[in-house]
Amino acid sequence: MTTPLVQDLFAQLQGRPAAEMAQSLGIPAAQTESAISAALPLLVGAMGRNASQPQGAQALLGALQRDHSGNDLAGVLGAVLGGGGQGGGILDHLLGGQQRNATNGLGAATGLDNDRAGALLKMLAPIVMAYLARRVFSSEPAPAGTRALTPQSLGDVLGQEGRDMRQAGGMQGGLLGAVLDQDGDGDLDMGDLMRLGGSLLGGGR
């Protein structure tokens, strides 16, 4: 299973957006969609872990309002395909020193080489931020099956997303929500990634 936020965003990236990312990465569209379905839970789960603390939620909200409010997904995708979008900076803040491990884990789980796995994460990071900003600051109703996101609820909702990710297993359980902390020690490390890769490559659900 994946969480409602991830399902909703993934649905918006299927089809033409994924095809455009595939062209940029130089890989088949089907492989790109599979890799996106693996990478989104990592990013949303990491944001959920950070937002579960009041200071982290406040910092995320400030970044959404300052840098991402009003950005539509199509425009952000165009920017990232053109080499912009601040993906590297977002990943630095989000994953810190674990960014390389996360890239390696994503590559091992999806068959992408590390360069393409890293490029995909950099593409998706600003897209996730734009999606969350739209959900927080737009007056549009929440998509079916998801909770409304407000500045007050952001930390609670993303924190729950992060907890759900860590409790799920296997590719369908959100590849890399589970990567965030397979051994329960609060840190993403190579042991976590090896356990994750073993379950995925063995066809675990």
C-alpha atoms as a PDB file:
ATOM      1  CA  MET A   1       0.000   0.000   0.000  1.00  0.00           C
ATOM      2  CA  THR A   2       0.957   3.625  -0.335  1.00  0.00           C
ATOM      3  CA  THR A   3      -0.415   6.602   1.517  1.00  0.00           C
ATOM      4  CA  PRO A   4      -3.137   8.887   0.057  1.00  0.00           C
ATOM      5  CA  LEU A   5      -0.805  11.837  -0.570  1.00  0.00           C
ATOM      6  CA  VAL A   6       1.620   9.659  -2.504  1.00  0.00           C
ATOM      7  CA  GLN A   7      -1.174   8.007  -4.471  1.00  0.00           C
ATOM      8  CA  ASP A   8      -2.648  11.365  -5.457  1.00  0.00           C
ATOM      9  CA  LEU A   9       0.664  12.868  -6.538  1.00  0.00           C
ATOM     10  CA  PHE A  10       1.711   9.719  -8.403  1.00  0.00           C
ATOM     11  CA  ALA A  11      -1.577   9.770 -10.325  1.00  0.00           C
ATOM     12  CA  GLN A  12      -0.811  13.330 -11.442  1.00  0.00           C
ATOM     13  CA  LEU A  13       2.643  12.324 -12.684  1.00  0.00           C
ATOM     14  CA  GLN A  14       1.578   9.318 -14.724  1.00  0.00           C
ATOM     15  CA  GLY A  15       1.370   9.620 -18.489  1.00  0.00           C
ATOM     16  CA  ARG A  16       2.921  12.659 -20.115  1.00  0.00           C
ATOM     17  CA  PRO A  17       4.866  13.971 -17.067  1.00  0.00           C
ATOM     18  CA  ALA A  18       6.502  10.582 -16.540  1.00  0.00           C
ATOM     19  CA  ALA A  19       7.188  10.293 -20.270  1.00  0.00           C
ATOM     20  CA  GLU A  20       8.944  13.670 -20.252  1.00  0.00           C
ATOM     21  CA  MET A  21      11.052  12.647 -17.271  1.00  0.00           C
ATOM     22  CA  ALA A  22      11.844   9.362 -19.010  1.00  0.00           C
ATOM     23  CA  GLN A  23      13.075  11.228 -22.066  1.00  0.00           C
ATOM     24  CA  SER A  24      15.282  13.414 -19.903  1.00  0.00           C
ATOM     25  CA  LEU A  25      16.692  10.404 -18.051  1.00  0.00           C
ATOM     26  CA  GLY A  26      17.089   8.324 -21.203  1.00  0.00           C
ATOM     27  CA  ILE A  27      15.119   5.327 -19.922  1.00  0.00           C
ATOM     28  CA  PRO A  28      11.758   3.735 -20.867  1.00  0.00           C
ATOM     29  CA  ALA A  29       8.593   5.430 -19.637  1.00  0.00           C
ATOM     30  CA  ALA A  30       7.426   2.294 -17.823  1.00  0.00           C
ATOM     31  CA  GLN A  31      10.688   2.084 -15.880  1.00  0.00           C
ATOM     32  CA  THR A  32      10.398   5.759 -15.033  1.00  0.00           C
ATOM     33  CA  GLU A  33       6.876   5.357 -13.646  1.00  0.00           C
ATOM     34  CA  SER A  34       8.051   2.423 -11.543  1.00  0.00           C
ATOM     35  CA  ALA A  35      10.975   4.464 -10.222  1.00  0.00           C
ATOM     36  CA  ILE A  36       8.702   7.440  -9.477  1.00  0.00           C
ATOM     37  CA  SER A  37       6.394   5.153  -7.500  1.00  0.00           C
ATOM     38  CA  ALA A  38       9.448   4.113  -5.486  1.00  0.00           C
ATOM     39  CA  ALA A  39      10.972   7.564  -5.014  1.00  0.00           C
ATOM     40  CA  LEU A  40       7.879   9.519  -3.977  1.00  0.00           C
ATOM     41  CA  PRO A  41       7.432   7.605  -0.702  1.00  0.00           C
ATOM     42  CA  LEU A  42      11.070   8.286   0.188  1.00  0.00           C
ATOM     43  CA  LEU A  43      10.601  12.014  -0.254  1.00  0.00           C
ATOM     44  CA  VAL A  44       7.182  12.268   1.380  1.00  0.00           C
ATOM     45  CA  GLY A  45       8.251   9.928   4.176  1.00  0.00           C
ATOM     46  CA  ALA A  46      11.365  12.004   4.872  1.00  0.00           C
ATOM     47  CA  MET A  47       9.275  15.177   4.922  1.00  0.00           C
ATOM     48  CA  GLY A  48       6.887  13.438   7.282  1.00  0.00           C
ATOM     49  CA  ARG A  49       9.708  12.495   9.604  1.00  0.00           C
ATOM     50  CA  ASN A  50      10.975  16.074   9.657  1.00  0.00           C
ATOM     51  CA  ALA A  51       7.494  17.588   9.991  1.00  0.00           C
ATOM     52  CA  SER A  52       6.631  15.348  12.937  1.00  0.00           C
ATOM     53  CA  GLN A  53       8.595  17.821  15.079  1.00  0.00           C
ATOM     54  CA  PRO A  54       7.104  21.326  15.540  1.00  0.00           C
ATOM     55  CA  GLN A  55      10.305  23.065  14.457  1.00  0.00           C
ATOM     56  CA  GLY A  56      10.559  20.899  11.359  1.00  0.00           C
ATOM     57  CA  ALA A  57       6.930  21.501  10.443  1.00  0.00           C
ATOM     58  CA  GLN A  58       7.399  25.241  10.846  1.00  0.00           C
ATOM     59  CA  ALA A  59      10.516  25.230   8.658  1.00  0.00           C
ATOM     60  CA  LEU A  60       8.748  23.197   5.970  1.00  0.00           C
ATOM     61  CA  LEU A  61       5.723  25.482   6.029  1.00  0.00           C
ATOM     62  CA  GLY A  62       7.950  28.528   5.674  1.00  0.00           C
ATOM     63  CA  ALA A  63       9.747  27.002   2.694  1.00  0.00           C
ATOM     64  CA  LEU A  64       6.459  26.081   1.028  1.00  0.00           C
ATOM     65  CA  GLN A  65       5.068  29.573   1.458  1.00  0.00           C
ATOM     66  CA  ARG A  66       8.268  31.392   0.514  1.00  0.00           C
ATOM     67  CA  ASP A  67       9.538  29.356  -2.413  1.00  0.00           C
ATOM     68  CA  HIS A  68       6.790  27.091  -3.736  1.00  0.00           C
ATOM     69  CA  SER A  69       3.389  28.677  -3.224  1.00  0.00           C
ATOM     70  CA  GLY A  70       1.567  29.307  -6.495  1.00  0.00           C
ATOM     71  CA  ASN A  71       3.754  26.955  -8.534  1.00  0.00           C
ATOM     72  CA  ASP A  72       1.783  24.484 -10.653  1.00  0.00           C
ATOM     73  CA  LEU A  73       3.158  21.013 -11.294  1.00  0.00           C
ATOM     74  CA  ALA A  74       3.462  21.479 -15.062  1.00  0.00           C
ATOM     75  CA  GLY A  75       5.512  24.641 -14.607  1.00  0.00           C
ATOM     76  CA  VAL A  76       7.760  23.027 -12.010  1.00  0.00           C
ATOM     77  CA  LEU A  77       8.278  19.985 -14.219  1.00  0.00           C
ATOM     78  CA  GLY A  78       9.285  22.244 -17.094  1.00  0.00           C
ATOM     79  CA  ALA A  79      11.764  24.011 -14.823  1.00  0.00           C
ATOM     80  CA  VAL A  80      13.356  20.831 -13.511  1.00  0.00           C
ATOM     81  CA  LEU A  81      13.641  19.342 -16.994  1.00  0.00           C
ATOM     82  CA  GLY A  82      15.435  22.525 -17.940  1.00  0.00           C
ATOM     83  CA  GLY A  83      17.905  22.065 -15.098  1.00  0.00           C
ATOM     84  CA  GLY A  84      16.239  24.300 -12.493  1.00  0.00           C
ATOM     85  CA  GLY A  85      13.854  23.693  -9.641  1.00  0.00           C
ATOM     86  CA  GLN A  86      16.273  23.767  -6.670  1.00  0.00           C
ATOM     87  CA  GLY A  87      16.134  19.981  -6.384  1.00  0.00           C
ATOM     88  CA  GLY A  88      19.648  19.608  -5.040  1.00  0.00           C
ATOM     89  CA  GLY A  89      19.112  22.173  -2.304  1.00  0.00           C
ATOM     90  CA  ILE A  90      15.823  20.602  -1.257  1.00  0.00           C
ATOM     91  CA  LEU A  91      17.453  17.182  -0.997  1.00  0.00           C
ATOM     92  CA  ASP A  92      20.302  18.634   1.055  1.00  0.00           C
ATOM     93  CA  HIS A  93      17.825  19.986   3.600  1.00  0.00           C
ATOM     94  CA  LEU A  94      15.597  16.928   3.497  1.00  0.00           C
ATOM     95  CA  LEU A  95      18.097  14.063   3.575  1.00  0.00           C
ATOM     96  CA  GLY A  96      21.268  15.742   4.777  1.00  0.00           C
ATOM     97  CA  GLY A  97      24.229  13.401   4.929  1.00  0.00           C
ATOM     98  CA  GLN A  98      22.046  10.435   3.985  1.00  0.00           C
ATOM     99  CA  GLN A  99      21.442  11.695   0.443  1.00  0.00           C
ATOM    100  CA  ARG A 100      24.030   9.415  -1.130  1.00  0.00           C
ATOM    101  CA  ASN A 101      22.711   6.391   0.758  1.00  0.00           C
ATOM    102  CA  ALA A 102      19.176   7.223  -0.354  1.00  0.00           C
ATOM    103  CA  THR A 103      20.308   7.535  -3.975  1.00  0.00           C
ATOM    104  CA  ASN A 104      22.156   4.223  -3.779  1.00  0.00           C
ATOM    105  CA  GLY A 105      19.144   2.541  -2.217  1.00  0.00           C
ATOM    106  CA  LEU A 106      16.776   3.885  -4.834  1.00  0.00           C
ATOM    107  CA  GLY A 107      19.099   2.715  -7.584  1.00  0.00           C
ATOM    108  CA  ALA A 108      19.447  -0.764  -6.087  1.00  0.00           C
ATOM    109  CA  ALA A 109      15.696  -1.098  -5.670  1.00  0.00           C
ATOM    110  CA  THR A 110      14.719   0.124  -9.142  1.00  0.00           C
ATOM    111  CA  GLY A 111      17.585  -0.887 -11.414  1.00  0.00           C
ATOM    112  CA  LEU A 112      18.612   2.716 -12.115  1.00  0.00           C
ATOM    113  CA  ASP A 113      22.269   3.637 -12.023  1.00  0.00           C
ATOM    114  CA  ASN A 114      23.172   6.087  -9.295  1.00  0.00           C
ATOM    115  CA  ASP A 115      23.383   9.064 -11.646  1.00  0.00           C
ATOM    116  CA  ARG A 116      19.842   8.525 -12.904  1.00  0.00           C
ATOM    117  CA  ALA A 117      18.514   7.747  -9.423  1.00  0.00           C
ATOM    118  CA  GLY A 118      19.999  10.981  -8.129  1.00  0.00           C
ATOM    119  CA  ALA A 119      18.673  12.923 -11.109  1.00  0.00           C
ATOM    120  CA  LEU A 120      15.179  11.526 -10.545  1.00  0.00           C
ATOM    121  CA  LEU A 121      15.213  12.539  -6.877  1.00  0.00           C
ATOM    122  CA  LYS A 122      16.318  16.053  -7.872  1.00  0.00           C
ATOM    123  CA  MET A 123      13.445  16.240 -10.379  1.00  0.00           C
ATOM    124  CA  LEU A 124      10.865  15.017  -7.915  1.00  0.00           C
ATOM    125  CA  ALA A 125      11.872  17.039  -4.842  1.00  0.00           C
ATOM    126  CA  PRO A 126      10.601  20.430  -6.117  1.00  0.00           C
ATOM    127  CA  ILE A 127       7.532  18.716  -7.593  1.00  0.00           C
ATOM    128  CA  VAL A 128       6.654  17.296  -4.181  1.00  0.00           C
ATOM    129  CA  MET A 129       7.167  20.716  -2.602  1.00  0.00           C
ATOM    130  CA  ALA A 130       4.940  22.399  -5.203  1.00  0.00           C
ATOM    131  CA  TYR A 131       2.288  19.734  -4.683  1.00  0.00           C
ATOM    132  CA  LEU A 132       2.305  20.232  -0.915  1.00  0.00           C
ATOM    133  CA  ALA A 133       2.227  24.019  -1.287  1.00  0.00           C
ATOM    134  CA  ARG A 134      -0.807  23.752  -3.536  1.00  0.00           C
ATOM    135  CA  ARG A 135      -2.515  21.448  -1.058  1.00  0.00           C
ATOM    136  CA  VAL A 136      -1.794  23.805   1.860  1.00  0.00           C
ATOM    137  CA  PHE A 137      -2.471  27.189   0.293  1.00  0.00           C
ATOM    138  CA  SER A 138      -5.118  26.428  -2.350  1.00  0.00           C
ATOM    139  CA  SER A 139      -8.826  26.773  -1.698  1.00  0.00           C
ATOM    140  CA  GLU A 140      -9.485  23.683  -3.839  1.00  0.00           C
ATOM    141  CA  PRO A 141     -11.165  20.791  -2.007  1.00  0.00           C
ATOM    142  CA  ALA A 142      -8.936  17.918  -0.951  1.00  0.00           C
ATOM    143  CA  PRO A 143      -8.807  15.059  -3.463  1.00  0.00           C
ATOM    144  CA  ALA A 144     -10.957  12.064  -2.630  1.00  0.00           C
ATOM    145  CA  GLY A 145      -9.366   9.838  -0.008  1.00  0.00           C
ATOM    146  CA  THR A 146      -7.011  12.507   1.332  1.00  0.00           C
ATOM    147  CA  ARG A 147      -7.210  14.852   4.279  1.00  0.00           C
ATOM    148  CA  ALA A 148      -7.300  18.613   3.890  1.00  0.00           C
ATOM    149  CA  LEU A 149      -3.898  20.197   4.414  1.00  0.00           C
ATOM    150  CA  THR A 150      -3.741  23.484   6.279  1.00  0.00           C
ATOM    151  CA  PRO A 151      -0.809  25.281   7.908  1.00  0.00           C
ATOM    152  CA  GLN A 152      -2.091  23.971  11.232  1.00  0.00           C
ATOM    153  CA  SER A 153      -2.466  20.359  10.074  1.00  0.00           C
ATOM    154  CA  LEU A 154       0.668  20.094   7.924  1.00  0.00           C
ATOM    155  CA  GLY A 155       2.875  18.611  10.623  1.00  0.00           C
ATOM    156  CA  ASP A 156       0.220  16.178  11.827  1.00  0.00           C
ATOM    157  CA  VAL A 157      -0.705  14.932   8.360  1.00  0.00           C
ATOM    158  CA  LEU A 158       2.863  14.562   7.099  1.00  0.00           C
ATOM    159  CA  GLY A 159       3.979  13.075  10.398  1.00  0.00           C
ATOM    160  CA  GLN A 160       1.305  10.405  10.022  1.00  0.00           C
ATOM    161  CA  GLU A 161       2.394   9.862   6.424  1.00  0.00           C
ATOM    162  CA  GLY A 162       5.944   9.308   7.633  1.00  0.00           C
ATOM    163  CA  ARG A 163       4.835   6.837  10.297  1.00  0.00           C
ATOM    164  CA  ASP A 164       2.699   4.959   7.779  1.00  0.00           C
ATOM    165  CA  MET A 165       5.658   4.792   5.393  1.00  0.00           C
ATOM    166  CA  ARG A 166       8.002   3.380   8.021  1.00  0.00           C
ATOM    167  CA  GLN A 167       5.484   0.706   8.978  1.00  0.00           C
ATOM    168  CA  ALA A 168       4.888  -0.382   5.373  1.00  0.00           C
ATOM    169  CA  GLY A 169       7.143  -2.871   3.617  1.00  0.00           C
ATOM    170  CA  GLY A 170       8.092  -3.732   0.057  1.00  0.00           C
ATOM    171  CA  MET A 171       7.751  -1.791  -3.171  1.00  0.00           C
ATOM    172  CA  GLN A 172       3.999  -1.363  -2.886  1.00  0.00           C
ATOM    173  CA  GLY A 173       4.403  -0.287   0.709  1.00  0.00           C
ATOM    174  CA  GLY A 174       6.381   2.685  -0.318  1.00  0.00           C
ATOM    175  CA  LEU A 175       9.823   1.736  -1.108  1.00  0.00           C
ATOM    176  CA  LEU A 176      11.440   4.235   0.649  1.00  0.00           C
ATOM    177  CA  GLY A 177       9.325   5.110   3.482  1.00  0.00           C
ATOM    178  CA  ALA A 178      10.656   1.811   4.772  1.00  0.00           C
ATOM    179  CA  VAL A 179      14.209   2.887   3.899  1.00  0.00           C
ATOM    180  CA  LEU A 180      13.944   5.763   6.333  1.00  0.00           C
ATOM    181  CA  ASP A 181      14.490   3.491   9.280  1.00  0.00           C
ATOM    182  CA  GLN A 182      14.363  -0.255   8.757  1.00  0.00           C
ATOM    183  CA  ASP A 183      16.136  -1.015  12.014  1.00  0.00           C
ATOM    184  CA  GLY A 184      14.172   1.383  14.202  1.00  0.00           C
ATOM    185  CA  ASP A 185      17.170   3.431  15.305  1.00  0.00           C
ATOM    186  CA  GLY A 186      15.960   6.723  13.847  1.00  0.00           C
ATOM    187  CA  ASP A 187      18.673   6.879  11.198  1.00  0.00           C
ATOM    188  CA  LEU A 188      18.913   5.932   7.538  1.00  0.00           C
ATOM    189  CA  ASP A 189      22.003   3.781   7.109  1.00  0.00           C
ATOM    190  CA  MET A 190      23.474   1.193   4.742  1.00  0.00           C
ATOM    191  CA  GLY A 191      22.068  -1.654   6.796  1.00  0.00           C
ATOM    192  CA  ASP A 192      18.592  -0.204   6.278  1.00  0.00           C
ATOM    193  CA  LEU A 193      19.189   0.015   2.541  1.00  0.00           C
ATOM    194  CA  MET A 194      20.484  -3.545   2.295  1.00  0.00           C
ATOM    195  CA  ARG A 195      17.424  -4.863   4.113  1.00  0.00           C
ATOM    196  CA  LEU A 196      15.176  -2.829   1.843  1.00  0.00           C
ATOM    197  CA  GLY A 197      16.970  -3.915  -1.318  1.00  0.00           C
ATOM    198  CA  GLY A 198      16.827  -7.551  -0.270  1.00  0.00           C
ATOM    199  CA  SER A 199      13.083  -7.443   0.295  1.00  0.00           C
ATOM    200  CA  LEU A 200      12.448  -5.692  -3.016  1.00  0.00           C
ATOM    201  CA  LEU A 201      14.741  -7.795  -5.147  1.00  0.00           C
ATOM    202  CA  GLY A 202      13.227 -10.877  -3.550  1.00  0.00           C
ATOM    203  CA  GLY A 203       9.756  -9.734  -4.600  1.00  0.00           C
ATOM    204  CA  GLY A 204       8.592  -8.823  -1.095  1.00  0.00           C
ATOM    205  CA  ARG A 205       5.267  -7.035  -0.685  1.00  0.00           C
END
